[in-house]
Amino acid sequence: MEEIHRSEWGAGRPVLALHPLGLDGGAFEGIAQVLMGHGFRTIAVDLPGFGRTPYPREPLTPARLARPVIRLAQELASVGKPPVVIGISLGGRVALECALEAPEVFREVIAIAPYLPWLRYRELLRLGRILSPEAAERLHLERLWPVLRPLAYGLEHIPHLRDDQVAQAGARLVYFLSCPATRAAFVSAARELALDKAFGEEGFWTRLPTLPVPASFLWGGRDHLVTSRFSERVAKSLPEARQRLLPCAGHALNGPHHRCVAHALALLLCNADDGSERMACSVGEPPIKLLREAPSSAQ
């Protein structure tokens, strides 16, 4: 049976946390510290091919990445502790896949800026077929390890990123990619995201309305990669899903606003529907918003 590496913080109700593309479970350390104060046990996994979990040498589709997460959730559910599954970006897409494939073992799913199949530019995305994990693995970037490691260390410790563990994990990606297997996994997962089917029997948007577990979505107002325009399609597919917009947050480098993301997630986990009144930006910007009306166009 495939083993996945995991990091844990806190005690109480279990939360399975899935990281963005190329990162590892350590990205959730800061978020986990906030969730600890609300009585949650955060279990952050390294998805297959990333961090300390080996690359399985097969296409890293969302379904393939979800497989060991579902097994871990089954273990927790068997002792009466069905977890909430959360994820950021790639992790958000995998979290949704977990809940679609095995809803009986999850209490809830929360997707933070999940990378979802685009509705426009589908022809352009098909160019993802040219991405080759094998070619990426054959590159000799490991020769740059002596240079990349101090560069990543320096990036991790610049003041703007010092307390933002997600951004620090992104900085570590600089030297993680000097590992051939990690490069192959990165390209494989990116390729499968680009080719992720939108419609049809296996299409994400066709399947999403069948999701039987409670779902929440958190979008960033400064996110130019996964914009809140996706919320319109989500609202059509899952009218009962809770959707929140955090105006101060972007997709990656959030500086002091990483605290806003963590507290907004805690409010969602605690089922606080009055989050727009209770949660304000840490540096005085507009508070979290309830998305009652979706933006005018979807991706």
C-alpha atoms as a PDB file:
ATOM      1  CA  MET A   1       0.000   0.000   0.000  1.00  0.00           C
ATOM      2  CA  GLU A   2       1.292   3.437  -0.929  1.00  0.00           C
ATOM      3  CA  GLU A   3       2.450   5.494   2.034  1.00  0.00           C
ATOM      4  CA  ILE A   4       2.210   9.277   2.031  1.00  0.00           C
ATOM      5  CA  HIS A   5       4.214  11.492   4.330  1.00  0.00           C
ATOM      6  CA  ARG A   6       2.234  13.689   6.667  1.00  0.00           C
ATOM      7  CA  SER A   7       2.820  16.411   9.236  1.00  0.00           C
ATOM      8  CA  GLU A   8       0.464  16.979  12.167  1.00  0.00           C
ATOM      9  CA  TRP A   9      -0.332  19.865  14.471  1.00  0.00           C
ATOM     10  CA  GLY A  10      -2.861  20.130  17.281  1.00  0.00           C
ATOM     11  CA  ALA A  11      -5.570  17.834  18.598  1.00  0.00           C
ATOM     12  CA  GLY A  12      -9.304  17.564  18.132  1.00  0.00           C
ATOM     13  CA  ARG A  13     -11.448  17.363  15.012  1.00  0.00           C
ATOM     14  CA  PRO A  14      -9.288  16.168  12.074  1.00  0.00           C
ATOM     15  CA  VAL A  15      -8.630  18.300   8.999  1.00  0.00           C
ATOM     16  CA  LEU A  16      -6.771  16.798   6.028  1.00  0.00           C
ATOM     17  CA  ALA A  17      -4.822  19.567   4.276  1.00  0.00           C
ATOM     18  CA  LEU A  18      -3.630  19.310   0.653  1.00  0.00           C
ATOM     19  CA  HIS A  19      -0.916  21.621  -0.660  1.00  0.00           C
ATOM     20  CA  PRO A  20      -0.588  23.595  -3.935  1.00  0.00           C
ATOM     21  CA  LEU A  21       1.359  22.362  -6.965  1.00  0.00           C
ATOM     22  CA  GLY A  22       5.031  21.696  -6.213  1.00  0.00           C
ATOM     23  CA  LEU A  23       4.823  22.415  -2.482  1.00  0.00           C
ATOM     24  CA  ASP A  24       4.565  20.057   0.496  1.00  0.00           C
ATOM     25  CA  GLY A  25       2.546  19.673   3.671  1.00  0.00           C
ATOM     26  CA  GLY A  26       4.848  22.024   5.562  1.00  0.00           C
ATOM     27  CA  ALA A  27       3.096  24.892   3.793  1.00  0.00           C
ATOM     28  CA  PHE A  28       0.231  24.500   6.292  1.00  0.00           C
ATOM     29  CA  GLU A  29       2.230  25.084   9.463  1.00  0.00           C
ATOM     30  CA  GLY A  30       1.045  28.676   9.907  1.00  0.00           C
ATOM     31  CA  ILE A  31      -2.572  27.837   9.098  1.00  0.00           C
ATOM     32  CA  ALA A  32      -2.410  24.861  11.470  1.00  0.00           C
ATOM     33  CA  GLN A  33      -1.334  27.114  14.345  1.00  0.00           C
ATOM     34  CA  VAL A  34      -4.515  29.152  13.881  1.00  0.00           C
ATOM     35  CA  LEU A  35      -6.719  26.053  13.567  1.00  0.00           C
ATOM     36  CA  MET A  36      -5.244  24.642  16.778  1.00  0.00           C
ATOM     37  CA  GLY A  37      -6.843  27.533  18.638  1.00  0.00           C
ATOM     38  CA  HIS A  38     -10.236  26.445  17.322  1.00  0.00           C
ATOM     39  CA  GLY A  39      -9.897  22.811  18.375  1.00  0.00           C
ATOM     40  CA  PHE A  40      -8.730  21.260  15.100  1.00  0.00           C
ATOM     41  CA  ARG A  41      -6.038  18.683  14.394  1.00  0.00           C
ATOM     42  CA  THR A  42      -4.400  19.499  11.061  1.00  0.00           C
ATOM     43  CA  ILE A  43      -2.950  16.563   9.105  1.00  0.00           C
ATOM     44  CA  ALA A  44      -1.049  17.980   6.126  1.00  0.00           C
ATOM     45  CA  VAL A  45       0.009  15.379   3.574  1.00  0.00           C
ATOM     46  CA  ASP A  46       2.718  15.407   0.928  1.00  0.00           C
ATOM     47  CA  LEU A  47       0.824  14.393  -2.207  1.00  0.00           C
ATOM     48  CA  PRO A  48       2.400  11.665  -4.398  1.00  0.00           C
ATOM     49  CA  GLY A  49       5.583  12.942  -6.045  1.00  0.00           C
ATOM     50  CA  PHE A  50       6.037  15.922  -3.714  1.00  0.00           C
ATOM     51  CA  GLY A  51       7.851  16.506  -0.460  1.00  0.00           C
ATOM     52  CA  ARG A  52       8.747  13.169   1.117  1.00  0.00           C
ATOM     53  CA  THR A  53       6.167  11.084  -0.732  1.00  0.00           C
ATOM     54  CA  PRO A  54       7.699   9.144  -3.661  1.00  0.00           C
ATOM     55  CA  TYR A  55       6.734   9.812  -7.266  1.00  0.00           C
ATOM     56  CA  PRO A  56       4.585   6.841  -8.405  1.00  0.00           C
ATOM     57  CA  ARG A  57       5.758   6.964 -12.046  1.00  0.00           C
ATOM     58  CA  GLU A  58       2.291   7.364 -13.503  1.00  0.00           C
ATOM     59  CA  PRO A  59       0.182  10.358 -14.635  1.00  0.00           C
ATOM     60  CA  LEU A  60      -0.647  12.508 -11.626  1.00  0.00           C
ATOM     61  CA  THR A  61      -4.303  13.122 -12.368  1.00  0.00           C
ATOM     62  CA  PRO A  62      -6.499  14.561  -9.581  1.00  0.00           C
ATOM     63  CA  ALA A  63      -7.955  11.064  -9.135  1.00  0.00           C
ATOM     64  CA  ARG A  64      -4.476   9.529  -8.773  1.00  0.00           C
ATOM     65  CA  LEU A  65      -3.413  12.171  -6.261  1.00  0.00           C
ATOM     66  CA  ALA A  66      -6.639  11.661  -4.316  1.00  0.00           C
ATOM     67  CA  ARG A  67      -6.213   7.910  -3.899  1.00  0.00           C
ATOM     68  CA  PRO A  68      -3.928   7.825  -0.818  1.00  0.00           C
ATOM     69  CA  VAL A  69      -5.783  10.760   0.756  1.00  0.00           C
ATOM     70  CA  ILE A  70      -9.023   8.779   0.564  1.00  0.00           C
ATOM     71  CA  ARG A  71      -7.337   5.799   2.231  1.00  0.00           C
ATOM     72  CA  LEU A  72      -6.138   8.024   5.061  1.00  0.00           C
ATOM     73  CA  ALA A  73      -9.653   9.444   5.451  1.00  0.00           C
ATOM     74  CA  GLN A  74     -11.050   5.921   5.560  1.00  0.00           C
ATOM     75  CA  GLU A  75      -8.708   5.123   8.460  1.00  0.00           C
ATOM     76  CA  LEU A  76      -9.911   8.192  10.346  1.00  0.00           C
ATOM     77  CA  ALA A  77     -13.573   7.497   9.595  1.00  0.00           C
ATOM     78  CA  SER A  78     -13.212   3.896  10.796  1.00  0.00           C
ATOM     79  CA  VAL A  79     -12.505   5.158  14.309  1.00  0.00           C
ATOM     80  CA  GLY A  80     -15.359   7.643  14.244  1.00  0.00           C
ATOM     81  CA  LYS A  81     -13.396  10.696  13.113  1.00  0.00           C
ATOM     82  CA  PRO A  82     -14.394  11.524   9.531  1.00  0.00           C
ATOM     83  CA  PRO A  83     -12.241  14.507   8.509  1.00  0.00           C
ATOM     84  CA  VAL A  84     -12.837  17.747   6.696  1.00  0.00           C
ATOM     85  CA  VAL A  85     -10.630  17.871   3.605  1.00  0.00           C
ATOM     86  CA  ILE A  86      -9.204  21.237   2.577  1.00  0.00           C
ATOM     87  CA  GLY A  87      -6.842  22.205  -0.214  1.00  0.00           C
ATOM     88  CA  ILE A  88      -5.201  25.165  -1.906  1.00  0.00           C
ATOM     89  CA  SER A  89      -4.961  25.472  -5.719  1.00  0.00           C
ATOM     90  CA  LEU A  90      -4.000  21.972  -6.959  1.00  0.00           C
ATOM     91  CA  GLY A  91      -4.817  20.736  -3.455  1.00  0.00           C
ATOM     92  CA  GLY A  92      -8.284  22.279  -3.742  1.00  0.00           C
ATOM     93  CA  ARG A  93      -8.967  20.377  -6.944  1.00  0.00           C
ATOM     94  CA  VAL A  94      -7.743  17.142  -5.324  1.00  0.00           C
ATOM     95  CA  ALA A  95      -9.850  17.819  -2.212  1.00  0.00           C
ATOM     96  CA  LEU A  96     -12.951  18.110  -4.392  1.00  0.00           C
ATOM     97  CA  GLU A  97     -11.990  14.893  -6.190  1.00  0.00           C
ATOM     98  CA  CYS A  98     -11.684  13.113  -2.838  1.00  0.00           C
ATOM     99  CA  ALA A  99     -15.176  14.231  -1.814  1.00  0.00           C
ATOM    100  CA  LEU A 100     -16.649  13.261  -5.190  1.00  0.00           C
ATOM    101  CA  GLU A 101     -15.122   9.778  -5.138  1.00  0.00           C
ATOM    102  CA  ALA A 102     -15.584   8.880  -1.474  1.00  0.00           C
ATOM    103  CA  PRO A 103     -18.161  11.219   0.114  1.00  0.00           C
ATOM    104  CA  GLU A 104     -18.943   8.718   2.849  1.00  0.00           C
ATOM    105  CA  VAL A 105     -15.598   9.300   4.609  1.00  0.00           C
ATOM    106  CA  PHE A 106     -15.532  13.112   4.569  1.00  0.00           C
ATOM    107  CA  ARG A 107     -17.498  15.497   6.750  1.00  0.00           C
ATOM    108  CA  GLU A 108     -16.970  18.515   4.502  1.00  0.00           C
ATOM    109  CA  VAL A 109     -14.741  19.885   1.741  1.00  0.00           C
ATOM    110  CA  ILE A 110     -13.228  23.383   1.630  1.00  0.00           C
ATOM    111  CA  ALA A 111     -11.430  24.494  -1.528  1.00  0.00           C
ATOM    112  CA  ILE A 112      -9.186  27.572  -1.389  1.00  0.00           C
ATOM    113  CA  ALA A 113      -8.619  29.079  -4.850  1.00  0.00           C
ATOM    114  CA  PRO A 114      -8.961  25.614  -6.431  1.00  0.00           C
ATOM    115  CA  TYR A 115      -7.616  25.187  -9.939  1.00  0.00           C
ATOM    116  CA  LEU A 116     -10.714  24.084 -11.871  1.00  0.00           C
ATOM    117  CA  PRO A 117     -11.128  23.208 -15.568  1.00  0.00           C
ATOM    118  CA  TRP A 118     -11.410  26.330 -17.678  1.00  0.00           C
ATOM    119  CA  LEU A 119     -14.490  26.865 -19.803  1.00  0.00           C
ATOM    120  CA  ARG A 120     -12.675  29.138 -22.230  1.00  0.00           C
ATOM    121  CA  TYR A 121      -9.372  28.542 -24.016  1.00  0.00           C
ATOM    122  CA  ARG A 122      -9.953  24.773 -24.028  1.00  0.00           C
ATOM    123  CA  GLU A 123      -8.080  24.412 -27.301  1.00  0.00           C
ATOM    124  CA  LEU A 124      -5.123  26.281 -25.845  1.00  0.00           C
ATOM    125  CA  LEU A 125      -5.052  24.031 -22.790  1.00  0.00           C
ATOM    126  CA  ARG A 126      -4.812  20.963 -25.018  1.00  0.00           C
ATOM    127  CA  LEU A 127      -1.263  22.094 -25.735  1.00  0.00           C
ATOM    128  CA  GLY A 128      -0.532  20.666 -22.295  1.00  0.00           C
ATOM    129  CA  ARG A 129      -0.101  17.336 -24.049  1.00  0.00           C
ATOM    130  CA  ILE A 130       3.363  18.436 -25.141  1.00  0.00           C
ATOM    131  CA  LEU A 131       4.540  18.614 -21.516  1.00  0.00           C
ATOM    132  CA  SER A 132       6.776  15.631 -20.836  1.00  0.00           C
ATOM    133  CA  PRO A 133       7.580  14.458 -17.300  1.00  0.00           C
ATOM    134  CA  GLU A 134      10.291  12.220 -18.751  1.00  0.00           C
ATOM    135  CA  ALA A 135      11.973  15.137 -20.519  1.00  0.00           C
ATOM    136  CA  ALA A 136      11.817  17.226 -17.345  1.00  0.00           C
ATOM    137  CA  GLU A 137      13.446  14.415 -15.401  1.00  0.00           C
ATOM    138  CA  ARG A 138      16.321  14.227 -17.885  1.00  0.00           C
ATOM    139  CA  LEU A 139      17.304  17.852 -17.331  1.00  0.00           C
ATOM    140  CA  HIS A 140      20.457  18.209 -15.254  1.00  0.00           C
ATOM    141  CA  LEU A 141      19.292  20.914 -12.859  1.00  0.00           C
ATOM    142  CA  GLU A 142      20.721  18.943  -9.934  1.00  0.00           C
ATOM    143  CA  ARG A 143      24.071  20.370 -10.949  1.00  0.00           C
ATOM    144  CA  LEU A 144      22.721  23.746  -9.795  1.00  0.00           C
ATOM    145  CA  TRP A 145      21.926  22.451  -6.294  1.00  0.00           C
ATOM    146  CA  PRO A 146      24.816  24.337  -4.618  1.00  0.00           C
ATOM    147  CA  VAL A 147      23.452  27.598  -6.041  1.00  0.00           C
ATOM    148  CA  LEU A 148      19.721  26.951  -5.723  1.00  0.00           C
ATOM    149  CA  ARG A 149      19.765  25.910  -2.085  1.00  0.00           C
ATOM    150  CA  PRO A 150      21.178  29.181  -0.665  1.00  0.00           C
ATOM    151  CA  LEU A 151      18.948  31.117  -3.082  1.00  0.00           C
ATOM    152  CA  ALA A 152      15.849  29.385  -1.733  1.00  0.00           C
ATOM    153  CA  TYR A 153      17.053  29.881   1.845  1.00  0.00           C
ATOM    154  CA  GLY A 154      17.465  33.594   1.183  1.00  0.00           C
ATOM    155  CA  LEU A 155      13.997  33.867  -0.322  1.00  0.00           C
ATOM    156  CA  GLU A 156      12.450  32.063   2.648  1.00  0.00           C
ATOM    157  CA  HIS A 157      13.888  34.596   5.063  1.00  0.00           C
ATOM    158  CA  ILE A 158      13.107  37.904   3.405  1.00  0.00           C
ATOM    159  CA  PRO A 159      10.904  39.967   5.753  1.00  0.00           C
ATOM    160  CA  HIS A 160       7.848  39.872   3.488  1.00  0.00           C
ATOM    161  CA  LEU A 161       7.749  36.060   3.579  1.00  0.00           C
ATOM    162  CA  ARG A 162       9.168  35.381   7.016  1.00  0.00           C
ATOM    163  CA  ASP A 163       5.855  34.450   8.671  1.00  0.00           C
ATOM    164  CA  ASP A 164       4.013  33.160   5.581  1.00  0.00           C
ATOM    165  CA  GLN A 165       4.628  29.408   5.494  1.00  0.00           C
ATOM    166  CA  VAL A 166       2.821  28.924   2.181  1.00  0.00           C
ATOM    167  CA  ALA A 167       5.107  31.474   0.517  1.00  0.00           C
ATOM    168  CA  GLN A 168       8.136  29.931   2.216  1.00  0.00           C
ATOM    169  CA  ALA A 169       7.181  26.540   0.815  1.00  0.00           C
ATOM    170  CA  GLY A 170       6.988  28.193  -2.595  1.00  0.00           C
ATOM    171  CA  ALA A 171      10.513  29.492  -2.127  1.00  0.00           C
ATOM    172  CA  ARG A 172      11.718  25.987  -1.285  1.00  0.00           C
ATOM    173  CA  LEU A 173      10.339  24.848  -4.640  1.00  0.00           C
ATOM    174  CA  VAL A 174      13.380  26.554  -6.177  1.00  0.00           C
ATOM    175  CA  TYR A 175      15.631  23.808  -4.903  1.00  0.00           C
ATOM    176  CA  PHE A 176      13.034  21.018  -4.815  1.00  0.00           C
ATOM    177  CA  LEU A 177      13.008  21.231  -8.610  1.00  0.00           C
ATOM    178  CA  SER A 178      16.675  20.296  -8.675  1.00  0.00           C
ATOM    179  CA  CYS A 179      15.464  16.765  -7.817  1.00  0.00           C
ATOM    180  CA  PRO A 180      14.707  14.818 -11.050  1.00  0.00           C
ATOM    181  CA  ALA A 181      11.714  12.952  -9.588  1.00  0.00           C
ATOM    182  CA  THR A 182      10.173  16.155  -8.213  1.00  0.00           C
ATOM    183  CA  ARG A 183      10.561  17.851 -11.602  1.00  0.00           C
ATOM    184  CA  ALA A 184       8.810  14.947 -13.288  1.00  0.00           C
ATOM    185  CA  ALA A 185       5.991  15.020 -10.722  1.00  0.00           C
ATOM    186  CA  PHE A 186       5.587  18.787 -11.093  1.00  0.00           C
ATOM    187  CA  VAL A 187       5.285  18.563 -14.883  1.00  0.00           C
ATOM    188  CA  SER A 188       3.009  15.514 -14.706  1.00  0.00           C
ATOM    189  CA  ALA A 189       0.574  17.190 -12.294  1.00  0.00           C
ATOM    190  CA  ALA A 190       0.629  20.449 -14.296  1.00  0.00           C
ATOM    191  CA  ARG A 191      -0.055  18.515 -17.501  1.00  0.00           C
ATOM    192  CA  GLU A 192      -3.006  16.654 -16.011  1.00  0.00           C
ATOM    193  CA  LEU A 193      -4.502  19.882 -14.634  1.00  0.00           C
ATOM    194  CA  ALA A 194      -4.339  21.419 -18.100  1.00  0.00           C
ATOM    195  CA  LEU A 195      -5.999  18.346 -19.613  1.00  0.00           C
ATOM    196  CA  ASP A 196      -8.577  17.925 -16.817  1.00  0.00           C
ATOM    197  CA  LYS A 197     -11.908  17.247 -18.546  1.00  0.00           C
ATOM    198  CA  ALA A 198     -14.594  19.873 -18.106  1.00  0.00           C
ATOM    199  CA  PHE A 199     -17.660  17.962 -19.337  1.00  0.00           C
ATOM    200  CA  GLY A 200     -18.695  14.431 -20.212  1.00  0.00           C
ATOM    201  CA  GLU A 201     -18.998  11.360 -18.010  1.00  0.00           C
ATOM    202  CA  GLU A 202     -15.626  12.054 -16.370  1.00  0.00           C
ATOM    203  CA  GLY A 203     -15.812  15.845 -16.637  1.00  0.00           C
ATOM    204  CA  PHE A 204     -15.448  17.871 -13.461  1.00  0.00           C
ATOM    205  CA  TRP A 205     -18.288  20.324 -14.145  1.00  0.00           C
ATOM    206  CA  THR A 206     -20.608  17.456 -15.078  1.00  0.00           C
ATOM    207  CA  ARG A 207     -19.832  15.625 -11.823  1.00  0.00           C
ATOM    208  CA  LEU A 208     -19.735  18.589  -9.422  1.00  0.00           C
ATOM    209  CA  PRO A 209     -23.543  18.885  -9.015  1.00  0.00           C
ATOM    210  CA  THR A 210     -23.556  15.319  -7.647  1.00  0.00           C
ATOM    211  CA  LEU A 211     -21.296  16.253  -4.711  1.00  0.00           C
ATOM    212  CA  PRO A 212     -23.245  15.091  -1.634  1.00  0.00           C
ATOM    213  CA  VAL A 213     -21.086  16.570   1.159  1.00  0.00           C
ATOM    214  CA  PRO A 214     -21.174  20.210   2.317  1.00  0.00           C
ATOM    215  CA  ALA A 215     -18.766  22.352   0.277  1.00  0.00           C
ATOM    216  CA  SER A 216     -17.206  25.762   0.793  1.00  0.00           C
ATOM    217  CA  PHE A 217     -15.001  27.866  -1.470  1.00  0.00           C
ATOM    218  CA  LEU A 218     -12.626  30.686  -0.543  1.00  0.00           C
ATOM    219  CA  TRP A 219     -11.484  33.033  -3.324  1.00  0.00           C
ATOM    220  CA  GLY A 220      -8.916  35.842  -3.304  1.00  0.00           C
ATOM    221  CA  GLY A 221      -9.705  39.298  -4.612  1.00  0.00           C
ATOM    222  CA  ARG A 222      -6.083  39.743  -5.706  1.00  0.00           C
ATOM    223  CA  ASP A 223      -5.781  36.309  -7.251  1.00  0.00           C
ATOM    224  CA  HIS A 224      -4.980  36.674 -10.952  1.00  0.00           C
ATOM    225  CA  LEU A 225      -4.332  32.961 -11.544  1.00  0.00           C
ATOM    226  CA  VAL A 226      -7.515  31.405 -10.136  1.00  0.00           C
ATOM    227  CA  THR A 227      -9.930  34.328 -10.090  1.00  0.00           C
ATOM    228  CA  SER A 228     -13.263  34.589  -8.308  1.00  0.00           C
ATOM    229  CA  ARG A 229     -14.985  34.444 -11.715  1.00  0.00           C
ATOM    230  CA  PHE A 230     -15.028  30.682 -11.240  1.00  0.00           C
ATOM    231  CA  SER A 231     -17.562  31.256  -8.477  1.00  0.00           C
ATOM    232  CA  GLU A 232     -20.328  31.773 -11.052  1.00  0.00           C
ATOM    233  CA  ARG A 233     -19.956  28.262 -12.441  1.00  0.00           C
ATOM    234  CA  VAL A 234     -19.642  26.859  -8.908  1.00  0.00           C
ATOM    235  CA  ALA A 235     -22.868  28.647  -7.919  1.00  0.00           C
ATOM    236  CA  LYS A 236     -24.693  27.103 -10.888  1.00  0.00           C
ATOM    237  CA  SER A 237     -23.384  23.630 -10.091  1.00  0.00           C
ATOM    238  CA  LEU A 238     -23.686  23.802  -6.291  1.00  0.00           C
ATOM    239  CA  PRO A 239     -26.261  26.437  -5.313  1.00  0.00           C
ATOM    240  CA  GLU A 240     -25.981  25.466  -1.625  1.00  0.00           C
ATOM    241  CA  ALA A 241     -22.183  25.814  -1.461  1.00  0.00           C
ATOM    242  CA  ARG A 242     -20.821  28.578   0.735  1.00  0.00           C
ATOM    243  CA  GLN A 243     -18.537  30.939  -1.164  1.00  0.00           C
ATOM    244  CA  ARG A 244     -16.428  33.673   0.373  1.00  0.00           C
ATOM    245  CA  LEU A 245     -14.248  36.359  -1.191  1.00  0.00           C
ATOM    246  CA  LEU A 246     -11.194  37.613   0.694  1.00  0.00           C
ATOM    247  CA  PRO A 247     -10.395  40.913  -1.083  1.00  0.00           C
ATOM    248  CA  CYS A 248      -6.872  41.235   0.324  1.00  0.00           C
ATOM    249  CA  ALA A 249      -5.611  37.761  -0.687  1.00  0.00           C
ATOM    250  CA  GLY A 250      -3.753  36.640  -3.798  1.00  0.00           C
ATOM    251  CA  HIS A 251      -2.781  33.206  -5.064  1.00  0.00           C
ATOM    252  CA  ALA A 252       0.724  32.924  -3.667  1.00  0.00           C
ATOM    253  CA  LEU A 253       2.600  35.783  -1.990  1.00  0.00           C
ATOM    254  CA  ASN A 254       0.277  37.240   0.625  1.00  0.00           C
ATOM    255  CA  GLY A 255       2.719  38.773   3.097  1.00  0.00           C
ATOM    256  CA  PRO A 256       0.775  39.820   6.223  1.00  0.00           C
ATOM    257  CA  HIS A 257      -2.476  38.727   4.578  1.00  0.00           C
ATOM    258  CA  HIS A 258      -1.639  35.056   5.106  1.00  0.00           C
ATOM    259  CA  ARG A 259      -3.184  35.550   8.545  1.00  0.00           C
ATOM    260  CA  CYS A 260      -6.433  36.628   6.873  1.00  0.00           C
ATOM    261  CA  VAL A 261      -6.509  33.398   4.858  1.00  0.00           C
ATOM    262  CA  ALA A 262      -5.933  31.309   7.985  1.00  0.00           C
ATOM    263  CA  HIS A 263      -8.654  33.067   9.995  1.00  0.00           C
ATOM    264  CA  ALA A 264     -11.121  32.955   7.092  1.00  0.00           C
ATOM    265  CA  LEU A 265     -10.529  29.197   6.835  1.00  0.00           C
ATOM    266  CA  ALA A 266     -11.083  28.823  10.578  1.00  0.00           C
ATOM    267  CA  LEU A 267     -14.423  30.631  10.269  1.00  0.00           C
ATOM    268  CA  LEU A 268     -15.499  28.290   7.478  1.00  0.00           C
ATOM    269  CA  LEU A 269     -14.492  25.250   9.521  1.00  0.00           C
ATOM    270  CA  CYS A 270     -16.455  26.569  12.476  1.00  0.00           C
ATOM    271  CA  ASN A 271     -19.495  27.107  10.229  1.00  0.00           C
ATOM    272  CA  ALA A 272     -19.574  30.809  11.001  1.00  0.00           C
ATOM    273  CA  ASP A 273     -21.934  32.238   8.387  1.00  0.00           C
ATOM    274  CA  ASP A 274     -21.530  35.731   9.808  1.00  0.00           C
ATOM    275  CA  GLY A 275     -17.878  35.826   8.800  1.00  0.00           C
ATOM    276  CA  SER A 276     -18.374  39.055   6.842  1.00  0.00           C
ATOM    277  CA  GLU A 277     -19.077  40.806  10.144  1.00  0.00           C
ATOM    278  CA  ARG A 278     -16.612  39.011  12.399  1.00  0.00           C
ATOM    279  CA  MET A 279     -13.479  38.736  10.286  1.00  0.00           C
ATOM    280  CA  ALA A 280     -11.597  41.858   9.233  1.00  0.00           C
ATOM    281  CA  CYS A 281      -8.365  42.165   7.263  1.00  0.00           C
ATOM    282  CA  SER A 282      -5.292  42.162   9.506  1.00  0.00           C
ATOM    283  CA  VAL A 283      -3.995  45.409   8.000  1.00  0.00           C
ATOM    284  CA  GLY A 284      -7.225  47.358   7.814  1.00  0.00           C
ATOM    285  CA  GLU A 285      -8.556  46.488   4.347  1.00  0.00           C
ATOM    286  CA  PRO A 286     -12.173  45.456   3.563  1.00  0.00           C
ATOM    287  CA  PRO A 287     -13.403  42.347   5.422  1.00  0.00           C
ATOM    288  CA  ILE A 288     -14.235  38.948   4.036  1.00  0.00           C
ATOM    289  CA  LYS A 289     -17.320  39.013   1.828  1.00  0.00           C
ATOM    290  CA  LEU A 290     -20.173  36.593   1.337  1.00  0.00           C
ATOM    291  CA  LEU A 291     -20.608  35.911  -2.366  1.00  0.00           C
ATOM    292  CA  ARG A 292     -24.380  36.061  -2.737  1.00  0.00           C
ATOM    293  CA  GLU A 293     -24.151  37.122  -6.359  1.00  0.00           C
ATOM    294  CA  ALA A 294     -21.397  35.661  -8.481  1.00  0.00           C
ATOM    295  CA  PRO A 295     -19.256  37.828 -10.769  1.00  0.00           C
ATOM    296  CA  SER A 296     -20.534  38.391 -14.292  1.00  0.00           C
ATOM    297  CA  SER A 297     -18.415  35.855 -16.194  1.00  0.00           C
ATOM    298  CA  ALA A 298     -16.629  32.573 -15.577  1.00  0.00           C
ATOM    299  CA  GLN A 299     -13.300  31.377 -16.895  1.00  0.00           C
END
